[in-house]
Amino acid sequence: MQNVRIELGGNIMSKTTETKSYIMKYLSDNKIHEVSDIKKYLRDNYDKELSEGVIAGAIKTMTVSGVIECTERGRYRQVKKKEEAKTNSL
């Protein structure tokens, strides 16, 4: 059985999808964060228990898809979009 959550409006989100949205919210300050801090944030703010596999999988797919980047072992930050980078350089 797959873990899913139904949000207002009838949208269905998997645990991994929901975890990714929490990670994006945490990394939205554009600072570099330790993976241990990301896990602590998830434990403190997510209302369900998450396995290490779900967290690791979310971070891995976000890294591969270019949404976040690994700056060095165990340290991640959100990747700025090209339009944001141009706007911020003015």
N, C-alpha and C. Protein backbone atom coordinates (compact mmCIF):
# COMPACT_ATOMS: atom_id res chain seq x y z
N MET A 1 0.84 -1.18 0.00
CA MET A 1 0.00 0.00 0.00
C MET A 1 0.88 1.25 0.00
N GLN A 2 0.59 2.18 -0.88
CA GLN A 2 1.38 3.39 -1.01
C GLN A 2 0.87 4.45 -0.03
N ASN A 3 1.80 5.19 0.60
CA ASN A 3 1.42 6.26 1.51
C ASN A 3 1.08 7.49 0.69
N VAL A 4 -0.16 7.96 0.83
CA VAL A 4 -0.58 9.17 0.14
C VAL A 4 -1.32 10.07 1.11
N ARG A 5 -1.36 11.32 0.79
CA ARG A 5 -2.07 12.30 1.60
C ARG A 5 -2.93 13.13 0.66
N ILE A 6 -4.18 13.36 1.04
CA ILE A 6 -5.08 14.15 0.23
C ILE A 6 -5.15 15.55 0.83
N GLU A 7 -4.86 16.55 0.01
CA GLU A 7 -4.90 17.94 0.45
C GLU A 7 -6.24 18.55 0.10
N LEU A 8 -6.47 19.76 0.60
CA LEU A 8 -7.66 20.50 0.23
C LEU A 8 -7.68 20.66 -1.28
N GLY A 9 -8.82 20.53 -1.86
CA GLY A 9 -8.93 20.63 -3.31
C GLY A 9 -8.79 19.27 -3.98
N GLY A 10 -8.57 18.22 -3.20
CA GLY A 10 -8.52 16.87 -3.74
C GLY A 10 -7.19 16.44 -4.32
N ASN A 11 -6.14 17.25 -4.20
CA ASN A 11 -4.83 16.85 -4.72
C ASN A 11 -4.26 15.74 -3.85
N ILE A 12 -3.68 14.75 -4.48
CA ILE A 12 -3.06 13.64 -3.76
C ILE A 12 -1.55 13.80 -3.84
N MET A 13 -0.90 13.78 -2.67
CA MET A 13 0.55 13.91 -2.61
C MET A 13 1.14 12.68 -1.93
N SER A 14 2.20 12.14 -2.51
CA SER A 14 2.91 11.05 -1.86
C SER A 14 3.76 11.62 -0.73
N LYS A 15 4.23 10.76 0.15
CA LYS A 15 5.13 11.20 1.22
C LYS A 15 6.37 11.87 0.64
N THR A 16 6.90 11.30 -0.43
CA THR A 16 8.11 11.86 -1.04
C THR A 16 7.84 13.25 -1.61
N THR A 17 6.72 13.42 -2.30
CA THR A 17 6.38 14.72 -2.86
C THR A 17 6.19 15.75 -1.76
N GLU A 18 5.52 15.35 -0.71
CA GLU A 18 5.30 16.25 0.42
C GLU A 18 6.63 16.60 1.11
N THR A 19 7.50 15.60 1.24
CA THR A 19 8.83 15.82 1.83
C THR A 19 9.61 16.83 1.00
N LYS A 20 9.55 16.70 -0.32
CA LYS A 20 10.25 17.65 -1.20
C LYS A 20 9.75 19.07 -0.99
N SER A 21 8.44 19.24 -0.81
CA SER A 21 7.92 20.59 -0.62
C SER A 21 8.40 21.18 0.71
N TYR A 22 8.52 20.36 1.75
CA TYR A 22 9.06 20.83 3.02
C TYR A 22 10.54 21.19 2.88
N ILE A 23 11.28 20.39 2.15
CA ILE A 23 12.71 20.68 1.94
C ILE A 23 12.87 22.00 1.18
N MET A 24 12.04 22.21 0.14
CA MET A 24 12.12 23.46 -0.62
C MET A 24 11.81 24.66 0.27
N LYS A 25 10.82 24.50 1.14
CA LYS A 25 10.48 25.60 2.05
C LYS A 25 11.67 25.91 2.96
N TYR A 26 12.32 24.87 3.47
CA TYR A 26 13.46 25.06 4.37
C TYR A 26 14.65 25.69 3.65
N LEU A 27 14.89 25.28 2.42
CA LEU A 27 16.05 25.79 1.67
C LEU A 27 15.76 27.11 0.95
N SER A 28 14.57 27.64 1.10
CA SER A 28 14.19 28.86 0.38
C SER A 28 14.96 30.10 0.82
N ASP A 29 15.71 30.01 1.91
CA ASP A 29 16.51 31.16 2.35
C ASP A 29 17.81 31.30 1.55
N ASN A 30 18.04 30.36 0.62
CA ASN A 30 19.21 30.34 -0.26
C ASN A 30 20.55 30.18 0.46
N LYS A 31 20.51 29.72 1.70
CA LYS A 31 21.74 29.43 2.44
C LYS A 31 22.07 27.95 2.28
N ILE A 32 23.30 27.60 2.59
CA ILE A 32 23.72 26.20 2.56
C ILE A 32 23.36 25.57 3.90
N HIS A 33 22.75 24.38 3.83
CA HIS A 33 22.31 23.69 5.04
C HIS A 33 22.86 22.27 5.10
N GLU A 34 23.22 21.86 6.29
CA GLU A 34 23.66 20.49 6.53
C GLU A 34 22.45 19.55 6.41
N VAL A 35 22.69 18.35 5.93
CA VAL A 35 21.60 17.38 5.80
C VAL A 35 21.00 17.07 7.18
N SER A 36 21.80 17.11 8.23
CA SER A 36 21.28 16.88 9.58
C SER A 36 20.28 17.97 9.98
N ASP A 37 20.52 19.21 9.54
CA ASP A 37 19.58 20.30 9.81
C ASP A 37 18.29 20.14 9.02
N ILE A 38 18.41 19.66 7.79
CA ILE A 38 17.23 19.39 6.97
C ILE A 38 16.37 18.33 7.64
N LYS A 39 17.00 17.26 8.11
CA LYS A 39 16.27 16.18 8.80
C LYS A 39 15.61 16.69 10.07
N LYS A 40 16.30 17.54 10.82
CA LYS A 40 15.73 18.09 12.05
C LYS A 40 14.51 18.94 11.71
N TYR A 41 14.62 19.76 10.68
CA TYR A 41 13.48 20.58 10.24
C TYR A 41 12.29 19.70 9.89
N LEU A 42 12.54 18.62 9.14
CA LEU A 42 11.46 17.71 8.76
C LEU A 42 10.83 17.07 10.00
N ARG A 43 11.65 16.62 10.94
CA ARG A 43 11.12 16.00 12.17
C ARG A 43 10.28 17.00 12.97
N ASP A 44 10.72 18.25 13.02
CA ASP A 44 10.03 19.27 13.81
C ASP A 44 8.76 19.80 13.14
N ASN A 45 8.68 19.73 11.81
CA ASN A 45 7.57 20.38 11.09
C ASN A 45 6.64 19.44 10.34
N TYR A 46 7.05 18.23 10.08
CA TYR A 46 6.22 17.28 9.34
C TYR A 46 5.44 16.45 10.35
N ASP A 47 4.15 16.30 10.14
CA ASP A 47 3.30 15.66 11.14
C ASP A 47 3.30 14.13 11.11
N LYS A 48 4.02 13.53 10.20
CA LYS A 48 4.12 12.07 10.12
C LYS A 48 5.58 11.66 10.19
N GLU A 49 5.79 10.41 10.59
CA GLU A 49 7.16 9.90 10.67
C GLU A 49 7.68 9.61 9.26
N LEU A 50 8.90 10.02 9.02
CA LEU A 50 9.55 9.79 7.73
C LEU A 50 10.73 8.86 7.90
N SER A 51 10.86 7.91 6.99
CA SER A 51 12.01 7.01 7.04
C SER A 51 13.22 7.71 6.44
N GLU A 52 14.40 7.21 6.79
CA GLU A 52 15.64 7.73 6.20
C GLU A 52 15.61 7.58 4.69
N GLY A 53 15.00 6.51 4.21
CA GLY A 53 14.93 6.25 2.77
C GLY A 53 14.11 7.28 2.02
N VAL A 54 12.98 7.70 2.60
CA VAL A 54 12.14 8.72 1.97
C VAL A 54 12.89 10.03 1.90
N ILE A 55 13.56 10.41 2.99
CA ILE A 55 14.32 11.66 3.02
C ILE A 55 15.48 11.61 2.03
N ALA A 56 16.25 10.54 2.06
CA ALA A 56 17.39 10.40 1.15
C ALA A 56 16.94 10.39 -0.30
N GLY A 57 15.83 9.69 -0.58
CA GLY A 57 15.30 9.64 -1.94
C GLY A 57 14.86 11.00 -2.43
N ALA A 58 14.20 11.76 -1.56
CA ALA A 58 13.74 13.10 -1.93
C ALA A 58 14.94 14.00 -2.25
N ILE A 59 15.94 13.97 -1.38
CA ILE A 59 17.14 14.80 -1.60
C ILE A 59 17.85 14.38 -2.88
N LYS A 60 17.96 13.08 -3.12
CA LYS A 60 18.64 12.58 -4.31
C LYS A 60 17.92 13.01 -5.59
N THR A 61 16.60 12.84 -5.64
CA THR A 61 15.88 13.20 -6.86
C THR A 61 15.89 14.71 -7.08
N MET A 62 15.85 15.48 -6.00
CA MET A 62 15.92 16.93 -6.13
C MET A 62 17.29 17.38 -6.64
N THR A 63 18.33 16.68 -6.22
CA THR A 63 19.69 16.99 -6.68
C THR A 63 19.85 16.62 -8.15
N VAL A 64 19.41 15.44 -8.53
CA VAL A 64 19.54 14.98 -9.91
C VAL A 64 18.74 15.87 -10.86
N SER A 65 17.57 16.33 -10.41
CA SER A 65 16.73 17.17 -11.28
C SER A 65 17.17 18.63 -11.30
N GLY A 66 18.17 18.99 -10.48
CA GLY A 66 18.72 20.33 -10.50
C GLY A 66 17.95 21.36 -9.68
N VAL A 67 17.06 20.90 -8.82
CA VAL A 67 16.29 21.80 -7.97
C VAL A 67 17.14 22.28 -6.79
N ILE A 68 17.95 21.36 -6.26
CA ILE A 68 18.90 21.71 -5.20
C ILE A 68 20.28 21.22 -5.64
N GLU A 69 21.32 21.71 -4.98
CA GLU A 69 22.66 21.25 -5.32
C GLU A 69 23.42 20.89 -4.05
N CYS A 70 24.30 19.94 -4.21
CA CYS A 70 25.18 19.52 -3.13
C CYS A 70 26.45 20.35 -3.27
N THR A 71 26.69 21.24 -2.30
CA THR A 71 27.87 22.11 -2.37
C THR A 71 29.12 21.39 -1.90
N GLU A 72 28.95 20.47 -0.99
CA GLU A 72 29.98 19.54 -0.54
C GLU A 72 29.26 18.43 0.21
N ARG A 73 29.98 17.41 0.58
CA ARG A 73 29.34 16.24 1.20
C ARG A 73 28.42 16.65 2.35
N GLY A 74 27.13 16.29 2.22
CA GLY A 74 26.15 16.52 3.28
C GLY A 74 25.66 17.95 3.41
N ARG A 75 25.94 18.80 2.41
CA ARG A 75 25.53 20.22 2.47
C ARG A 75 24.80 20.57 1.18
N TYR A 76 23.62 21.15 1.33
CA TYR A 76 22.76 21.43 0.18
C TYR A 76 22.22 22.85 0.22
N ARG A 77 21.89 23.35 -0.99
CA ARG A 77 21.19 24.62 -1.10
C ARG A 77 20.28 24.58 -2.32
N GLN A 78 19.32 25.46 -2.31
CA GLN A 78 18.39 25.56 -3.43
C GLN A 78 19.09 26.23 -4.60
N VAL A 79 18.84 25.75 -5.80
CA VAL A 79 19.42 26.33 -7.01
C VAL A 79 18.54 27.48 -7.44
N LYS A 80 19.17 28.63 -7.66
CA LYS A 80 18.41 29.80 -8.12
C LYS A 80 18.04 29.61 -9.57
N LYS A 81 16.85 30.05 -9.91
CA LYS A 81 16.42 30.02 -11.30
C LYS A 81 17.16 31.11 -12.05
N LYS A 82 17.35 30.92 -13.34
CA LYS A 82 18.10 31.88 -14.16
C LYS A 82 17.48 33.26 -14.12
N GLU A 83 16.13 33.35 -14.17
CA GLU A 83 15.46 34.66 -14.13
C GLU A 83 15.73 35.35 -12.80
N GLU A 84 15.69 34.59 -11.69
CA GLU A 84 15.94 35.17 -10.37
C GLU A 84 17.38 35.69 -10.27
N ALA A 85 18.31 34.93 -10.81
CA ALA A 85 19.72 35.32 -10.77
C ALA A 85 19.93 36.63 -11.52
N LYS A 86 19.27 36.78 -12.67
CA LYS A 86 19.39 38.01 -13.45
C LYS A 86 18.77 39.19 -12.70
N THR A 87 17.60 38.98 -12.10
CA THR A 87 16.92 40.04 -11.36
C THR A 87 17.72 40.47 -10.15
N ASN A 88 18.31 39.52 -9.45
CA ASN A 88 19.07 39.82 -8.24
C ASN A 88 20.39 40.52 -8.52
N SER A 89 20.86 40.49 -9.75
CA SER A 89 22.16 41.08 -10.07
C SER A 89 22.05 42.57 -10.42
N LEU A 90 20.84 43.11 -10.44
CA LEU A 90 20.67 44.53 -10.77
C LEU A 90 21.11 45.43 -9.67
